[in-house]
């Protein structure tokens, strides 16, 4: 996959997690649970539930972050090599 979908996937994942917390908190508000308590329960329940419900999206975000980290590590290694004065492939 040559296209970089990390920003889109990360945004979707964060919005989905916020939506899940909102749905849980909203359901609790309907049964007259105080707002702050409902939000706290929504966060505590929504974190592990989101990992289960959004597993494919989480996997795409994790893979995208790994690709980005590999690219950055290669660029950092190349820069360090240039700063040491090592020859770079293709240099005269």
N, C-alpha and C. Protein backbone atom coordinates (compact mmCIF):
# COMPACT_ATOMS: atom_id res chain seq x y z
N UNK A 1 0.85 -1.17 0.00
CA UNK A 1 0.00 0.00 0.00
C UNK A 1 0.90 1.24 0.00
N UNK A 2 0.87 1.99 -1.08
CA UNK A 2 1.75 3.14 -1.19
C UNK A 2 1.14 4.39 -0.57
N UNK A 3 -0.18 4.43 -0.47
CA UNK A 3 -0.82 5.61 0.11
C UNK A 3 -0.67 5.59 1.62
N UNK A 4 -0.47 6.77 2.19
CA UNK A 4 -0.34 6.90 3.63
C UNK A 4 -1.70 7.29 4.21
N UNK A 5 -2.37 6.32 4.83
CA UNK A 5 -3.69 6.57 5.40
C UNK A 5 -3.64 6.76 6.91
N UNK A 6 -2.46 6.93 7.46
CA UNK A 6 -2.34 7.05 8.91
C UNK A 6 -3.14 8.22 9.48
N UNK A 7 -3.06 9.42 8.93
CA UNK A 7 -3.85 10.52 9.52
C UNK A 7 -5.35 10.23 9.52
N UNK A 8 -5.85 9.67 8.41
CA UNK A 8 -7.27 9.35 8.33
C UNK A 8 -7.65 8.27 9.32
N UNK A 9 -6.86 7.20 9.37
CA UNK A 9 -7.15 6.09 10.27
C UNK A 9 -7.07 6.52 11.73
N UNK A 10 -6.08 7.31 12.06
CA UNK A 10 -5.92 7.78 13.44
C UNK A 10 -7.09 8.67 13.84
N UNK A 11 -7.51 9.55 12.94
CA UNK A 11 -8.66 10.43 13.23
C UNK A 11 -9.93 9.61 13.42
N UNK A 12 -10.16 8.64 12.54
CA UNK A 12 -11.33 7.78 12.68
C UNK A 12 -11.31 7.01 13.99
N UNK A 13 -10.15 6.51 14.37
CA UNK A 13 -10.03 5.73 15.59
C UNK A 13 -10.33 6.60 16.82
N UNK A 14 -9.76 7.78 16.87
CA UNK A 14 -9.99 8.68 18.00
C UNK A 14 -11.46 9.08 18.07
N UNK A 15 -12.06 9.42 16.93
CA UNK A 15 -13.47 9.80 16.92
C UNK A 15 -14.36 8.63 17.33
N UNK A 16 -14.03 7.42 16.89
CA UNK A 16 -14.81 6.25 17.28
C UNK A 16 -14.73 6.01 18.78
N UNK A 17 -13.56 6.19 19.36
CA UNK A 17 -13.41 6.00 20.80
C UNK A 17 -14.20 7.06 21.57
N UNK A 18 -14.13 8.33 21.12
CA UNK A 18 -14.92 9.38 21.77
C UNK A 18 -16.42 9.10 21.65
N UNK A 19 -16.84 8.63 20.48
CA UNK A 19 -18.24 8.31 20.26
C UNK A 19 -18.69 7.19 21.20
N UNK A 20 -17.86 6.17 21.36
CA UNK A 20 -18.19 5.07 22.26
C UNK A 20 -18.36 5.56 23.70
N UNK A 21 -17.44 6.39 24.16
CA UNK A 21 -17.54 6.94 25.51
C UNK A 21 -18.82 7.77 25.63
N UNK A 22 -19.13 8.54 24.59
CA UNK A 22 -20.35 9.36 24.61
C UNK A 22 -21.61 8.51 24.65
N UNK A 23 -21.62 7.42 23.92
CA UNK A 23 -22.79 6.53 23.91
C UNK A 23 -22.98 5.89 25.29
N UNK A 24 -21.90 5.43 25.88
CA UNK A 24 -21.99 4.82 27.21
C UNK A 24 -22.46 5.85 28.24
N UNK A 25 -21.84 7.04 28.21
CA UNK A 25 -22.22 8.09 29.16
C UNK A 25 -23.66 8.54 28.91
N UNK A 26 -24.06 8.64 27.65
CA UNK A 26 -25.44 9.03 27.34
C UNK A 26 -26.44 8.01 27.84
N UNK A 27 -26.12 6.74 27.71
CA UNK A 27 -27.00 5.69 28.23
C UNK A 27 -27.13 5.77 29.74
N UNK A 28 -26.02 6.06 30.40
CA UNK A 28 -26.07 6.20 31.85
C UNK A 28 -26.85 7.44 32.28
N UNK A 29 -26.74 8.50 31.50
CA UNK A 29 -27.50 9.72 31.82
C UNK A 29 -29.01 9.47 31.71
N UNK A 30 -29.40 8.59 30.79
CA UNK A 30 -30.81 8.28 30.63
C UNK A 30 -31.40 7.57 31.85
N UNK A 31 -30.54 6.90 32.62
CA UNK A 31 -31.01 6.25 33.84
C UNK A 31 -30.66 7.07 35.08
N UNK A 32 -30.50 8.38 34.88
CA UNK A 32 -30.30 9.38 35.95
C UNK A 32 -29.01 9.20 36.75
N UNK A 33 -27.94 8.83 36.07
CA UNK A 33 -26.62 8.82 36.69
C UNK A 33 -26.05 10.23 36.51
N UNK A 34 -25.43 10.81 37.54
CA UNK A 34 -24.84 12.15 37.38
C UNK A 34 -23.83 12.21 36.24
N UNK A 35 -23.72 13.38 35.61
CA UNK A 35 -22.90 13.56 34.41
C UNK A 35 -21.45 13.14 34.63
N UNK A 36 -20.82 13.63 35.69
CA UNK A 36 -19.41 13.32 35.93
C UNK A 36 -19.20 11.83 36.14
N UNK A 37 -20.07 11.21 36.89
CA UNK A 37 -19.96 9.76 37.13
C UNK A 37 -20.17 9.01 35.81
N UNK A 38 -21.14 9.45 35.01
CA UNK A 38 -21.40 8.80 33.73
C UNK A 38 -20.19 8.91 32.81
N UNK A 39 -19.54 10.07 32.77
CA UNK A 39 -18.35 10.23 31.94
C UNK A 39 -17.19 9.36 32.42
N UNK A 40 -17.02 9.28 33.72
CA UNK A 40 -15.94 8.44 34.26
C UNK A 40 -16.20 6.97 33.96
N UNK A 41 -17.42 6.53 34.15
CA UNK A 41 -17.75 5.13 33.84
C UNK A 41 -17.60 4.89 32.33
N UNK A 42 -18.02 5.87 31.53
CA UNK A 42 -17.87 5.75 30.08
C UNK A 42 -16.42 5.59 29.67
N UNK A 43 -15.53 6.35 30.31
CA UNK A 43 -14.10 6.22 30.01
C UNK A 43 -13.56 4.86 30.44
N UNK A 44 -13.90 4.44 31.65
CA UNK A 44 -13.36 3.19 32.17
C UNK A 44 -13.88 1.99 31.38
N UNK A 45 -15.15 2.00 31.03
CA UNK A 45 -15.73 0.89 30.28
C UNK A 45 -15.37 1.00 28.79
N UNK A 46 -15.29 2.23 28.29
CA UNK A 46 -15.05 2.44 26.87
C UNK A 46 -13.65 2.09 26.41
N UNK A 47 -12.66 2.21 27.29
CA UNK A 47 -11.29 1.91 26.88
C UNK A 47 -11.10 0.45 26.47
N UNK A 48 -11.41 -0.51 27.33
CA UNK A 48 -11.24 -1.90 26.88
C UNK A 48 -12.26 -2.32 25.82
N UNK A 49 -13.47 -1.79 25.92
CA UNK A 49 -14.49 -2.14 24.93
C UNK A 49 -14.10 -1.63 23.55
N UNK A 50 -13.50 -0.45 23.49
CA UNK A 50 -13.05 0.11 22.22
C UNK A 50 -11.95 -0.72 21.59
N UNK A 51 -11.08 -1.30 22.42
CA UNK A 51 -10.03 -2.16 21.88
C UNK A 51 -10.63 -3.39 21.21
N UNK A 52 -11.72 -3.89 21.76
CA UNK A 52 -12.37 -5.06 21.17
C UNK A 52 -13.20 -4.70 19.94
N UNK A 53 -13.97 -3.63 20.05
CA UNK A 53 -14.88 -3.26 18.97
C UNK A 53 -14.16 -2.71 17.75
N UNK A 54 -13.09 -1.99 17.97
CA UNK A 54 -12.39 -1.30 16.88
C UNK A 54 -11.05 -1.96 16.57
N UNK A 55 -10.95 -3.27 16.75
CA UNK A 55 -9.70 -4.00 16.54
C UNK A 55 -9.13 -3.83 15.13
N UNK A 56 -9.94 -3.92 14.06
CA UNK A 56 -9.35 -3.73 12.72
C UNK A 56 -8.79 -2.32 12.51
N UNK A 57 -9.49 -1.33 13.01
CA UNK A 57 -9.01 0.05 12.88
C UNK A 57 -7.75 0.25 13.72
N UNK A 58 -7.74 -0.34 14.90
CA UNK A 58 -6.56 -0.26 15.77
C UNK A 58 -5.36 -0.91 15.08
N UNK A 59 -5.58 -2.03 14.42
CA UNK A 59 -4.48 -2.71 13.71
C UNK A 59 -3.93 -1.83 12.58
N UNK A 60 -4.82 -1.15 11.85
CA UNK A 60 -4.36 -0.27 10.76
C UNK A 60 -3.56 0.90 11.31
N UNK A 61 -4.01 1.47 12.43
CA UNK A 61 -3.28 2.59 13.03
C UNK A 61 -1.92 2.12 13.52
N UNK A 62 -1.87 0.97 14.17
CA UNK A 62 -0.61 0.43 14.67
C UNK A 62 0.36 0.14 13.53
N UNK A 63 -0.14 -0.44 12.44
CA UNK A 63 0.71 -0.72 11.28
C UNK A 63 1.22 0.58 10.66
N UNK A 64 0.36 1.58 10.57
CA UNK A 64 0.77 2.87 10.01
C UNK A 64 1.84 3.54 10.86
N UNK A 65 1.67 3.46 12.18
CA UNK A 65 2.68 4.04 13.08
C UNK A 65 4.01 3.29 12.97
N UNK A 66 3.94 1.97 12.81
CA UNK A 66 5.17 1.19 12.66
C UNK A 66 5.90 1.57 11.37
N UNK A 67 5.14 1.72 10.27
CA UNK A 67 5.77 2.14 9.00
C UNK A 67 6.41 3.51 9.14
N UNK A 68 5.70 4.43 9.79
CA UNK A 68 6.23 5.78 9.96
C UNK A 68 7.50 5.74 10.81
N UNK A 69 7.50 4.94 11.87
CA UNK A 69 8.69 4.84 12.73
C UNK A 69 9.87 4.24 11.98
N UNK A 70 9.62 3.25 11.12
CA UNK A 70 10.70 2.67 10.32
C UNK A 70 11.30 3.71 9.38
N UNK A 71 10.45 4.48 8.74
CA UNK A 71 10.91 5.52 7.82
C UNK A 71 11.74 6.56 8.56
N UNK A 72 11.25 6.97 9.72
CA UNK A 72 11.97 7.97 10.51
C UNK A 72 13.30 7.42 11.02
N UNK A 73 13.33 6.15 11.40
CA UNK A 73 14.59 5.55 11.87
C UNK A 73 15.62 5.48 10.75
N UNK A 74 15.16 5.13 9.52
CA UNK A 74 16.08 5.09 8.38
C UNK A 74 16.62 6.49 8.09
N UNK A 75 15.76 7.49 8.11
CA UNK A 75 16.19 8.86 7.84
C UNK A 75 17.16 9.34 8.92
N UNK A 76 16.88 8.98 10.18
CA UNK A 76 17.76 9.37 11.28
C UNK A 76 19.13 8.70 11.14
N UNK A 77 19.13 7.41 10.76
CA UNK A 77 20.40 6.70 10.56
C UNK A 77 21.19 7.30 9.41
N UNK A 78 20.51 7.67 8.34
CA UNK A 78 21.18 8.30 7.20
C UNK A 78 21.79 9.64 7.59
N UNK A 79 21.05 10.43 8.36
CA UNK A 79 21.55 11.72 8.80
C UNK A 79 22.78 11.54 9.70
N UNK A 80 22.72 10.59 10.63
CA UNK A 80 23.86 10.35 11.50
C UNK A 80 25.08 9.91 10.69
N UNK A 81 24.84 9.08 9.68
CA UNK A 81 25.92 8.63 8.82
C UNK A 81 26.56 9.81 8.09
N UNK A 82 25.73 10.70 7.59
CA UNK A 82 26.25 11.88 6.89
C UNK A 82 27.01 12.79 7.85
N UNK A 83 26.53 12.92 9.06
CA UNK A 83 27.21 13.78 10.04
C UNK A 83 28.56 13.19 10.45
N UNK A 84 28.66 11.85 10.46
CA UNK A 84 29.95 11.22 10.77
C UNK A 84 30.91 11.31 9.59
N UNK A 85 30.40 11.61 8.41
CA UNK A 85 31.24 11.70 7.23
C UNK A 85 31.35 10.40 6.48
N UNK A 86 30.50 9.43 6.81
CA UNK A 86 30.52 8.15 6.09
C UNK A 86 30.02 8.37 4.66
N UNK A 87 30.48 7.49 3.78
CA UNK A 87 30.01 7.58 2.40
C UNK A 87 28.60 7.07 2.33
N UNK A 88 27.80 7.76 1.54
CA UNK A 88 26.42 7.36 1.32
C UNK A 88 26.34 6.68 -0.03
N UNK A 89 25.51 5.64 -0.16
CA UNK A 89 25.39 4.93 -1.44
C UNK A 89 25.09 5.90 -2.57
N UNK A 90 25.82 5.79 -3.63
CA UNK A 90 25.62 6.65 -4.79
C UNK A 90 26.43 7.94 -4.73
N UNK A 91 27.16 8.18 -3.64
CA UNK A 91 27.96 9.39 -3.53
C UNK A 91 29.31 9.16 -4.17
N UNK A 92 29.86 10.22 -4.73
CA UNK A 92 31.15 10.12 -5.42
C UNK A 92 32.31 10.16 -4.45
